[in-house]
Amino acid sequence: MFFDPPSLAEEQEKMRALLKYVEPRTQDDVRMVAAALKCSGDKYESVFADWAKPYGRFKAKQLWSKARPDPDALEEAAERQMLAEKRRNRFQPLSAAEICSMAPQEYRLKPILPTQGIAVVYGASGSGKSFVAMAMAGAIATGEPFFGYVTSFAHVLYVVLEGEAGIQSRVRAWQREYGREVPDDIRFLVQPFKLTDQADVSDLAAICPPKSVVFIDTLNRAAPGSDENSSKDMGLIIEGAKALQQATGGLVVLIAHTGKDPAKGIRGHSSLFAAIDAAILVSREGDARRWKIDKAKDGRDGDEHPFRLKVVEVGEDADGDAITSCVITPDASAVAHLKPLTGNRQVAMATLHEAASSNGALNEVGEFVGVPTGAWRAAFYRQRPNATEDANRKAFDRARGDLVGLGLVRVTNDLCQFDGPTAAATNGVVAAVLARQADKTGTLA
């Protein structure tokens, strides 16, 4: 009947079904199941004996006889096994095919700064590292190239802990130089912040949009009282940076100083350099300044980019004296001192000449105004007929970015022009070639 209580056989069958989720692996497993089933007397003794066969009938019978009823023992045994199973499956090796199918590394500043990680921009006092970091932050917040390197947009928080009084002038200088307001996607924090304070890290992360980029200027001011040369103190600093990075899911960029000997790298314990994903070294020799890729995981390091600090007048003080600040620009005058172009850079420069002479554009007064990127790209590809489309694309984009970063090429509205000390002469020669072609065909490019 519907309301009749279940039979003994039905109850035993239900218990067998329940015990399928617990295996008789250890003595504790068997003992706890026995204790749980004994709460019902001998009703489930046969069920227990069948379940415990893999452990051993004789040993299981002894445990049954000694077990004391415990209604919570079965749940405890199941939880123990679930935890053990979870630990057993904690490490999951991947095959080569699975590795190759994973999403490729994503970059915020390709191929230097990853979208997620920790980076350092460092240099001696007066090298211009904060100006480099400021320019980098502006490029990321606008999604615009930085020295020819492609950026991907992200919200930026710039934590100003050193030189707070000058940040207003730097913002105004950026706006004067680029002729527009600093985008709202970059914000500035001028309040004290301590990277080694868990509450500070948590509260700062809470105001950051997901996957944002946080610049901390400087590392020293963000860790007051810490001994940067101590492995213990540096470990706490690294731990704070990692916590901030993990909480935001983005990139943390620390602005740091070099030590007494700049050749030895970032000031402080060597564990910092080992822990970061990327490093940019900013150096100065007299008026000559450069930033260099000092570390880039899965990327290239050693590339250098000369720059200069361009003085920008941003207003007047109460005495009528000019207030100035600086922005960074590629230093074309330093190009002559760089090594000769090789590899794909050399191919890219040669094919730019080729494309400009055949597909370049002139303005109404006959001046060369550039060649479309597509025409240059096609000429570059023709020099690498055996390469795949993807390989050609990557090689061209990298070479073009290098030439822009070196100050040899300028790209405006997808028109590519020669830049640097010899640009005027080169552009003049190209203009003459295009003019002769126009005279022959009766058209003007």
Foldseek 3Di string as FASTA:
>chain_A
DVPDDDDLVVVLVVVLVVCVLFALDDPLLLLLVLQQVCVVPCSNVVVSQVRCVVVPNVSSVVSNVVHHHDNCSNVVRSVVVVVVVCVVPVDDDDDPVVVVPDDDFAAQFPPFHGLFWEEEEEEAPPLCSVLLVVQSQLCQCVQHHDLLTGGHHAQEEEEDQPPPVCPVQSQLQVCVVVVHHRDPSYYYHDDQAALLDPVRLVVVLVPGAASHEYEYPALDSNHPPAQQADPVSVVSNLVSLVSSRVSRVGYYYHYFYAPPDNVVPGPGHPVVVVRGQWYWYWYDDPQWIKIWGCHHVVDDGGDIFIKGWDKDFRQADPVRDTDIDTHIDTDLACLVVDDDDDDLLVLLVVLLLVLLLPAFAADPVLFTPFGAPVSSLVSSCVVVVPDDPVVSVVSNSVSSSSCSRRQQWDADPRGIAGGGDCRVVSRVVSSVSQVVVCVVVVHGD
